[in-house]
N, C-alpha and C. Protein backbone atom coordinates (compact mmCIF):
# COMPACT_ATOMS: atom_id res chain seq x y z
N MET A 1 0.85 -1.18 0.00
CA MET A 1 0.00 0.00 0.00
C MET A 1 0.89 1.23 0.00
N ASN A 2 0.54 2.21 -0.76
CA ASN A 2 1.25 3.47 -0.82
C ASN A 2 0.81 4.33 0.35
N LEU A 3 1.69 4.55 1.34
CA LEU A 3 1.33 5.27 2.55
C LEU A 3 1.08 6.74 2.32
N SER A 4 1.46 7.27 1.16
CA SER A 4 1.17 8.68 0.89
C SER A 4 -0.32 8.92 0.71
N ASN A 5 -1.09 7.83 0.53
CA ASN A 5 -2.53 7.96 0.38
C ASN A 5 -3.26 8.01 1.71
N LEU A 6 -2.57 7.75 2.79
CA LEU A 6 -3.17 7.78 4.11
C LEU A 6 -2.97 9.18 4.68
N VAL A 7 -4.06 9.89 4.84
CA VAL A 7 -4.00 11.26 5.32
C VAL A 7 -4.70 11.33 6.67
N ASN A 8 -4.13 12.03 7.62
CA ASN A 8 -4.73 12.19 8.93
C ASN A 8 -4.82 13.68 9.24
N PRO A 9 -5.80 14.37 8.63
CA PRO A 9 -5.90 15.81 8.83
C PRO A 9 -6.28 16.15 10.26
N MET A 10 -5.94 17.33 10.70
CA MET A 10 -6.22 17.75 12.06
C MET A 10 -7.62 18.35 12.19
N SER A 11 -8.43 18.24 11.15
CA SER A 11 -9.79 18.78 11.23
C SER A 11 -10.66 17.88 12.09
N GLU A 12 -11.69 18.47 12.65
CA GLU A 12 -12.63 17.70 13.47
C GLU A 12 -13.43 16.76 12.59
N SER A 13 -13.76 15.61 13.12
CA SER A 13 -14.58 14.66 12.38
C SER A 13 -16.04 15.10 12.44
N PRO A 14 -16.88 14.63 11.51
CA PRO A 14 -18.29 15.03 11.52
C PRO A 14 -19.03 14.51 12.75
N THR A 15 -18.49 13.52 13.43
CA THR A 15 -19.17 13.00 14.61
C THR A 15 -18.70 13.69 15.87
N GLY A 16 -17.84 14.70 15.74
CA GLY A 16 -17.56 15.57 16.85
C GLY A 16 -16.37 15.24 17.72
N GLY A 17 -15.49 14.33 17.37
CA GLY A 17 -14.37 14.12 18.25
C GLY A 17 -13.19 13.50 17.57
N GLY A 18 -12.12 14.27 17.42
CA GLY A 18 -10.87 13.69 16.96
C GLY A 18 -10.62 13.86 15.49
N ASN A 19 -9.68 13.07 15.01
CA ASN A 19 -9.22 13.15 13.63
C ASN A 19 -10.02 12.24 12.73
N ARG A 20 -9.88 12.50 11.43
CA ARG A 20 -10.53 11.67 10.43
C ARG A 20 -9.48 11.25 9.43
N ASN A 21 -9.43 9.97 9.12
CA ASN A 21 -8.48 9.42 8.16
C ASN A 21 -9.14 9.32 6.79
N HIS A 22 -8.29 9.24 5.74
CA HIS A 22 -8.80 9.11 4.38
C HIS A 22 -7.89 8.16 3.60
N LEU A 23 -8.49 7.16 2.99
CA LEU A 23 -7.78 6.28 2.06
C LEU A 23 -8.35 6.54 0.68
N SER A 24 -7.50 6.97 -0.26
CA SER A 24 -7.96 7.41 -1.57
C SER A 24 -8.28 6.26 -2.51
N SER A 25 -8.74 6.61 -3.71
CA SER A 25 -9.27 5.63 -4.65
C SER A 25 -8.23 4.67 -5.22
N ASP A 26 -6.94 4.97 -5.14
CA ASP A 26 -5.95 4.05 -5.68
C ASP A 26 -5.44 3.05 -4.64
N VAL A 27 -6.09 2.99 -3.47
CA VAL A 27 -5.71 2.03 -2.43
C VAL A 27 -6.51 0.75 -2.62
N GLU A 28 -5.81 -0.39 -2.63
CA GLU A 28 -6.45 -1.70 -2.70
C GLU A 28 -5.96 -2.53 -1.53
N ILE A 29 -6.91 -3.15 -0.81
CA ILE A 29 -6.59 -3.93 0.38
C ILE A 29 -7.23 -5.30 0.26
N LYS A 30 -6.45 -6.33 0.61
CA LYS A 30 -6.99 -7.69 0.76
C LYS A 30 -6.68 -8.10 2.19
N GLY A 31 -7.74 -8.28 2.98
CA GLY A 31 -7.53 -8.62 4.38
C GLY A 31 -8.46 -7.82 5.28
N THR A 32 -8.03 -7.59 6.51
CA THR A 32 -8.84 -6.89 7.50
C THR A 32 -8.35 -5.47 7.69
N LEU A 33 -9.27 -4.53 7.68
CA LEU A 33 -8.97 -3.13 7.92
C LEU A 33 -9.58 -2.75 9.27
N LYS A 34 -8.71 -2.27 10.19
CA LYS A 34 -9.17 -1.82 11.51
C LYS A 34 -8.72 -0.38 11.69
N PHE A 35 -9.56 0.44 12.31
CA PHE A 35 -9.20 1.83 12.55
C PHE A 35 -9.87 2.36 13.80
N GLN A 36 -9.26 3.40 14.39
CA GLN A 36 -9.73 3.99 15.64
C GLN A 36 -10.55 5.26 15.41
N ASN A 37 -10.08 6.14 14.53
CA ASN A 37 -10.76 7.40 14.24
C ASN A 37 -11.62 7.24 13.00
N ASP A 38 -12.52 8.17 12.76
CA ASP A 38 -13.40 8.11 11.60
C ASP A 38 -12.57 7.96 10.33
N LEU A 39 -13.12 7.22 9.36
CA LEU A 39 -12.39 6.94 8.12
C LEU A 39 -13.27 7.18 6.92
N VAL A 40 -12.72 7.88 5.92
CA VAL A 40 -13.34 7.99 4.61
C VAL A 40 -12.55 7.05 3.71
N PHE A 41 -13.23 6.05 3.14
CA PHE A 41 -12.57 5.04 2.33
C PHE A 41 -13.08 5.15 0.90
N ASP A 42 -12.16 5.41 -0.05
CA ASP A 42 -12.52 5.54 -1.46
C ASP A 42 -11.92 4.43 -2.32
N GLY A 43 -11.21 3.50 -1.72
CA GLY A 43 -10.52 2.46 -2.48
C GLY A 43 -11.32 1.19 -2.65
N LYS A 44 -10.56 0.09 -2.80
CA LYS A 44 -11.16 -1.24 -2.96
C LYS A 44 -10.65 -2.13 -1.84
N ILE A 45 -11.54 -2.93 -1.29
CA ILE A 45 -11.15 -3.87 -0.25
C ILE A 45 -11.89 -5.19 -0.44
N GLU A 46 -11.15 -6.27 -0.28
CA GLU A 46 -11.72 -7.61 -0.19
C GLU A 46 -11.36 -8.11 1.19
N GLY A 47 -12.34 -8.20 2.06
CA GLY A 47 -12.06 -8.62 3.42
C GLY A 47 -13.03 -8.01 4.40
N GLU A 48 -12.56 -7.77 5.60
CA GLU A 48 -13.42 -7.29 6.67
C GLU A 48 -12.98 -5.90 7.13
N ILE A 49 -13.95 -5.08 7.50
CA ILE A 49 -13.68 -3.77 8.07
C ILE A 49 -14.26 -3.77 9.48
N GLN A 50 -13.42 -3.40 10.48
CA GLN A 50 -13.83 -3.39 11.88
C GLN A 50 -13.44 -2.06 12.51
N SER A 51 -14.38 -1.47 13.27
CA SER A 51 -14.07 -0.23 13.97
C SER A 51 -15.15 0.13 14.97
N ASN A 52 -14.80 0.99 15.90
CA ASN A 52 -15.76 1.59 16.82
C ASN A 52 -15.98 3.05 16.47
N ALA A 53 -15.68 3.42 15.25
CA ALA A 53 -15.83 4.79 14.77
C ALA A 53 -16.76 4.79 13.55
N THR A 54 -16.80 5.90 12.83
CA THR A 54 -17.67 6.04 11.66
C THR A 54 -16.88 5.75 10.40
N LEU A 55 -17.42 4.88 9.56
CA LEU A 55 -16.85 4.57 8.24
C LEU A 55 -17.69 5.26 7.19
N THR A 56 -17.04 6.03 6.32
CA THR A 56 -17.72 6.60 5.16
C THR A 56 -17.15 5.92 3.93
N VAL A 57 -18.01 5.25 3.18
CA VAL A 57 -17.64 4.57 1.93
C VAL A 57 -17.87 5.56 0.81
N GLY A 58 -16.78 6.04 0.21
CA GLY A 58 -16.86 7.07 -0.83
C GLY A 58 -17.51 6.57 -2.11
N LYS A 59 -17.81 7.51 -3.02
CA LYS A 59 -18.49 7.19 -4.27
C LYS A 59 -17.72 6.21 -5.14
N SER A 60 -16.39 6.29 -5.12
CA SER A 60 -15.58 5.40 -5.96
C SER A 60 -15.18 4.11 -5.23
N ALA A 61 -15.62 3.94 -3.99
CA ALA A 61 -15.22 2.78 -3.20
C ALA A 61 -15.97 1.53 -3.61
N ASN A 62 -15.26 0.39 -3.44
CA ASN A 62 -15.85 -0.92 -3.70
C ASN A 62 -15.43 -1.82 -2.55
N VAL A 63 -16.39 -2.16 -1.70
CA VAL A 63 -16.13 -2.99 -0.52
C VAL A 63 -16.76 -4.35 -0.76
N GLN A 64 -15.94 -5.41 -0.65
CA GLN A 64 -16.44 -6.78 -0.76
C GLN A 64 -16.07 -7.50 0.52
N GLY A 65 -17.03 -7.60 1.43
CA GLY A 65 -16.77 -8.25 2.70
C GLY A 65 -17.64 -7.68 3.80
N GLU A 66 -17.43 -8.16 4.99
CA GLU A 66 -18.22 -7.78 6.15
C GLU A 66 -17.75 -6.43 6.71
N VAL A 67 -18.71 -5.64 7.19
CA VAL A 67 -18.41 -4.35 7.81
C VAL A 67 -19.03 -4.34 9.20
N LYS A 68 -18.19 -4.08 10.21
CA LYS A 68 -18.66 -3.95 11.59
C LYS A 68 -18.11 -2.64 12.11
N SER A 69 -19.01 -1.69 12.39
CA SER A 69 -18.57 -0.36 12.79
C SER A 69 -19.64 0.30 13.65
N LYS A 70 -19.28 1.43 14.26
CA LYS A 70 -20.25 2.18 15.05
C LYS A 70 -21.33 2.75 14.13
N SER A 71 -20.90 3.44 13.08
CA SER A 71 -21.80 4.02 12.08
C SER A 71 -21.19 3.85 10.70
N VAL A 72 -22.05 3.73 9.69
CA VAL A 72 -21.57 3.57 8.31
C VAL A 72 -22.39 4.49 7.41
N ILE A 73 -21.68 5.26 6.58
CA ILE A 73 -22.31 6.12 5.58
C ILE A 73 -21.81 5.62 4.23
N ILE A 74 -22.74 5.23 3.35
CA ILE A 74 -22.34 4.62 2.07
C ILE A 74 -22.75 5.52 0.91
N HIS A 75 -21.74 5.88 0.10
CA HIS A 75 -21.96 6.59 -1.17
C HIS A 75 -21.66 5.65 -2.33
N GLY A 76 -20.79 4.65 -2.12
CA GLY A 76 -20.32 3.75 -3.17
C GLY A 76 -20.97 2.39 -3.08
N SER A 77 -20.17 1.34 -3.32
CA SER A 77 -20.67 -0.03 -3.45
C SER A 77 -20.16 -0.91 -2.32
N VAL A 78 -21.08 -1.66 -1.71
CA VAL A 78 -20.73 -2.64 -0.69
C VAL A 78 -21.43 -3.94 -1.02
N GLN A 79 -20.63 -5.02 -1.09
CA GLN A 79 -21.17 -6.37 -1.25
C GLN A 79 -20.76 -7.16 -0.03
N GLY A 80 -21.70 -7.30 0.89
CA GLY A 80 -21.42 -7.97 2.15
C GLY A 80 -22.35 -7.44 3.22
N ASN A 81 -22.34 -8.08 4.36
CA ASN A 81 -23.23 -7.70 5.44
C ASN A 81 -22.64 -6.55 6.25
N ILE A 82 -23.54 -5.71 6.78
CA ILE A 82 -23.14 -4.57 7.60
C ILE A 82 -23.78 -4.71 8.96
N ASP A 83 -22.97 -4.53 10.01
CA ASP A 83 -23.45 -4.54 11.39
C ASP A 83 -22.96 -3.25 12.03
N ALA A 84 -23.89 -2.32 12.30
CA ALA A 84 -23.53 -1.02 12.87
C ALA A 84 -24.24 -0.83 14.20
N ALA A 85 -23.49 -0.45 15.21
CA ALA A 85 -24.05 -0.26 16.54
C ALA A 85 -25.06 0.88 16.57
N GLU A 86 -24.79 1.94 15.82
CA GLU A 86 -25.68 3.10 15.86
C GLU A 86 -26.53 3.25 14.62
N ARG A 87 -25.93 3.58 13.47
CA ARG A 87 -26.75 3.86 12.29
C ARG A 87 -26.02 3.56 11.00
N VAL A 88 -26.83 3.35 9.96
CA VAL A 88 -26.33 3.18 8.60
C VAL A 88 -27.10 4.13 7.71
N GLU A 89 -26.37 4.87 6.87
CA GLU A 89 -26.99 5.76 5.89
C GLU A 89 -26.63 5.28 4.50
N LEU A 90 -27.63 5.04 3.68
CA LEU A 90 -27.42 4.72 2.27
C LEU A 90 -27.76 5.97 1.47
N LYS A 91 -26.75 6.61 0.93
CA LYS A 91 -26.94 7.83 0.14
C LYS A 91 -27.48 7.46 -1.23
N ALA A 92 -27.91 8.46 -2.00
CA ALA A 92 -28.57 8.22 -3.29
C ALA A 92 -27.71 7.41 -4.26
N THR A 93 -26.39 7.51 -4.17
CA THR A 93 -25.49 6.80 -5.08
C THR A 93 -25.06 5.43 -4.53
N ALA A 94 -25.57 5.05 -3.38
CA ALA A 94 -25.13 3.82 -2.71
C ALA A 94 -25.71 2.57 -3.35
N GLN A 95 -24.90 1.50 -3.27
CA GLN A 95 -25.37 0.18 -3.69
C GLN A 95 -24.93 -0.80 -2.61
N LEU A 96 -25.90 -1.40 -1.93
CA LEU A 96 -25.62 -2.40 -0.90
C LEU A 96 -26.28 -3.71 -1.28
N ILE A 97 -25.44 -4.74 -1.46
CA ILE A 97 -25.92 -6.10 -1.71
C ILE A 97 -25.50 -6.90 -0.49
N GLY A 98 -26.43 -7.12 0.43
CA GLY A 98 -26.11 -7.82 1.66
C GLY A 98 -27.08 -7.43 2.75
N ASP A 99 -26.99 -8.11 3.87
CA ASP A 99 -27.89 -7.85 4.98
C ASP A 99 -27.37 -6.70 5.82
N LEU A 100 -28.30 -6.05 6.50
CA LEU A 100 -28.00 -4.84 7.25
C LEU A 100 -28.60 -4.94 8.64
N ARG A 101 -27.77 -4.68 9.65
CA ARG A 101 -28.26 -4.65 11.03
C ARG A 101 -27.72 -3.37 11.68
N ALA A 102 -28.64 -2.56 12.25
CA ALA A 102 -28.24 -1.29 12.83
C ALA A 102 -29.29 -0.80 13.81
N GLY A 103 -28.90 0.19 14.61
CA GLY A 103 -29.83 0.84 15.51
C GLY A 103 -30.83 1.69 14.74
N ARG A 104 -30.35 2.33 13.66
CA ARG A 104 -31.20 3.14 12.79
C ARG A 104 -30.68 3.01 11.36
N ILE A 105 -31.60 3.10 10.39
CA ILE A 105 -31.17 3.13 9.00
C ILE A 105 -31.85 4.30 8.28
N ILE A 106 -31.10 4.89 7.36
CA ILE A 106 -31.59 5.98 6.54
C ILE A 106 -31.28 5.60 5.09
N ILE A 107 -32.30 5.54 4.25
CA ILE A 107 -32.11 5.18 2.85
C ILE A 107 -32.64 6.31 1.99
N GLU A 108 -31.75 6.96 1.25
CA GLU A 108 -32.15 8.05 0.37
C GLU A 108 -32.72 7.51 -0.92
N ASP A 109 -33.56 8.31 -1.55
CA ASP A 109 -34.14 7.98 -2.85
C ASP A 109 -33.02 7.78 -3.86
N GLY A 110 -33.04 6.68 -4.58
CA GLY A 110 -32.01 6.38 -5.58
C GLY A 110 -31.02 5.31 -5.13
N ALA A 111 -30.95 5.06 -3.82
CA ALA A 111 -30.03 4.04 -3.30
C ALA A 111 -30.55 2.65 -3.68
N THR A 112 -29.63 1.71 -3.88
CA THR A 112 -29.97 0.33 -4.17
C THR A 112 -29.64 -0.51 -2.94
N PHE A 113 -30.61 -1.29 -2.47
CA PHE A 113 -30.41 -2.16 -1.32
C PHE A 113 -31.09 -3.49 -1.60
N VAL A 114 -30.28 -4.55 -1.69
CA VAL A 114 -30.79 -5.90 -1.90
C VAL A 114 -30.33 -6.73 -0.72
N GLY A 115 -31.26 -7.11 0.13
CA GLY A 115 -30.92 -7.88 1.32
C GLY A 115 -31.99 -7.71 2.38
N LYS A 116 -31.68 -8.20 3.57
CA LYS A 116 -32.59 -8.08 4.70
C LYS A 116 -32.07 -7.01 5.64
N SER A 117 -33.00 -6.38 6.36
CA SER A 117 -32.58 -5.39 7.34
C SER A 117 -33.17 -5.73 8.70
N GLU A 118 -32.40 -5.43 9.73
CA GLU A 118 -32.85 -5.60 11.11
C GLU A 118 -32.50 -4.32 11.85
N VAL A 119 -33.53 -3.63 12.33
CA VAL A 119 -33.33 -2.39 13.05
C VAL A 119 -33.60 -2.65 14.52
N SER A 120 -32.63 -2.38 15.36
CA SER A 120 -32.73 -2.61 16.79
C SER A 120 -32.41 -1.31 17.52
N PRO A 121 -33.42 -0.45 17.70
CA PRO A 121 -33.14 0.80 18.40
C PRO A 121 -32.74 0.55 19.84
N ASN A 122 -32.11 1.55 20.44
CA ASN A 122 -31.68 1.38 21.83
C ASN A 122 -32.88 1.27 22.75
N LYS A 123 -32.67 0.84 23.99
CA LYS A 123 -33.75 0.57 24.93
C LYS A 123 -34.58 1.80 25.26
N SER A 124 -33.96 2.96 25.38
CA SER A 124 -34.72 4.16 25.71
C SER A 124 -35.70 4.52 24.59
N ALA A 125 -35.30 4.31 23.33
CA ALA A 125 -36.20 4.58 22.21
C ALA A 125 -37.37 3.59 22.23
N LEU A 126 -37.11 2.33 22.58
CA LEU A 126 -38.19 1.36 22.67
C LEU A 126 -39.17 1.71 23.79
N GLN A 127 -38.66 2.19 24.91
CA GLN A 127 -39.53 2.57 26.03
C GLN A 127 -40.39 3.77 25.65
N ARG A 128 -39.84 4.74 24.93
CA ARG A 128 -40.63 5.89 24.49
C ARG A 128 -41.73 5.43 23.54
N ALA A 129 -41.41 4.52 22.61
CA ALA A 129 -42.40 4.02 21.67
C ALA A 129 -43.51 3.28 22.40
N GLU A 130 -43.16 2.49 23.39
CA GLU A 130 -44.14 1.74 24.17
C GLU A 130 -45.07 2.69 24.91
N ALA A 131 -44.54 3.76 25.44
CA ALA A 131 -45.35 4.71 26.21
C ALA A 131 -46.34 5.48 25.34
N THR A 132 -46.05 5.62 24.04
CA THR A 132 -46.92 6.37 23.15
C THR A 132 -48.02 5.52 22.52
N ARG A 133 -48.00 4.22 22.73
CA ARG A 133 -49.05 3.36 22.18
C ARG A 133 -50.35 3.58 22.93
N PRO A 134 -51.49 3.47 22.23
CA PRO A 134 -52.77 3.67 22.90
C PRO A 134 -52.97 2.66 24.03
N GLY A 135 -53.34 3.13 25.18
CA GLY A 135 -53.60 2.25 26.32
C GLY A 135 -52.35 1.75 26.99
N GLY A 136 -51.17 2.05 26.40
CA GLY A 136 -49.91 1.63 26.99
C GLY A 136 -49.68 0.13 26.97
N ALA A 137 -50.52 -0.62 26.29
CA ALA A 137 -50.39 -2.08 26.25
C ALA A 137 -49.54 -2.49 25.07
N PRO A 138 -48.81 -3.61 25.17
CA PRO A 138 -48.02 -4.08 24.05
C PRO A 138 -48.89 -4.34 22.83
N GLY A 139 -48.34 -4.06 21.66
CA GLY A 139 -49.06 -4.32 20.42
C GLY A 139 -50.05 -3.23 20.08
N GLY A 140 -50.15 -2.18 20.87
CA GLY A 140 -51.04 -1.08 20.56
C GLY A 140 -52.49 -1.36 20.89
N GLU A 141 -52.81 -2.44 21.51
CA GLU A 141 -54.18 -2.79 21.86
C GLU A 141 -54.58 -2.06 23.13
N PRO A 142 -55.71 -1.36 23.14
CA PRO A 142 -56.16 -0.76 24.39
C PRO A 142 -56.57 -1.83 25.39
N LYS A 143 -56.41 -1.53 26.66
CA LYS A 143 -56.79 -2.48 27.69
C LYS A 143 -58.30 -2.64 27.71
N LYS A 144 -58.76 -3.86 27.88
CA LYS A 144 -60.19 -4.15 27.90
C LYS A 144 -60.68 -4.15 29.34
N GLY A 145 -61.90 -3.67 29.52
CA GLY A 145 -62.48 -3.65 30.86
C GLY A 145 -63.99 -3.84 30.77
N LEU A 146 -64.63 -3.80 31.89
CA LEU A 146 -66.09 -3.95 31.95
C LEU A 146 -66.75 -2.64 31.58
N LEU A 147 -67.85 -2.73 30.88
CA LEU A 147 -68.60 -1.54 30.50
C LEU A 147 -69.75 -1.31 31.42
């Protein structure tokens, strides 16, 4: 890998803390990619991506393999399953062929998604949703009583 393509600018990341790395479009990786700070990836990878930060898959990126990250923003192509602790965003130019599991998903008009999705919001969001159901009973059914 040409290390001149790895940039670590001192600008703040969009998620509000620390540096953001960038791997440009001429980077090709076979294997596992792990990172600590947010990453914008525009290259090609065959393998697995693991992180507790935000991964942005650029428009020219081609990812073939599993992605496990805190958050994932996709502009390019991903063939493989995605598991994100917080959220996944599929932008209008995104193509995802694979299953998706996240706390929240956002799919813009024009994005391609072929696979299954599983959305598991955090417990506090589930409790708020439960409290807003009519009658407060599971399934939205009002409680029955004597008339």
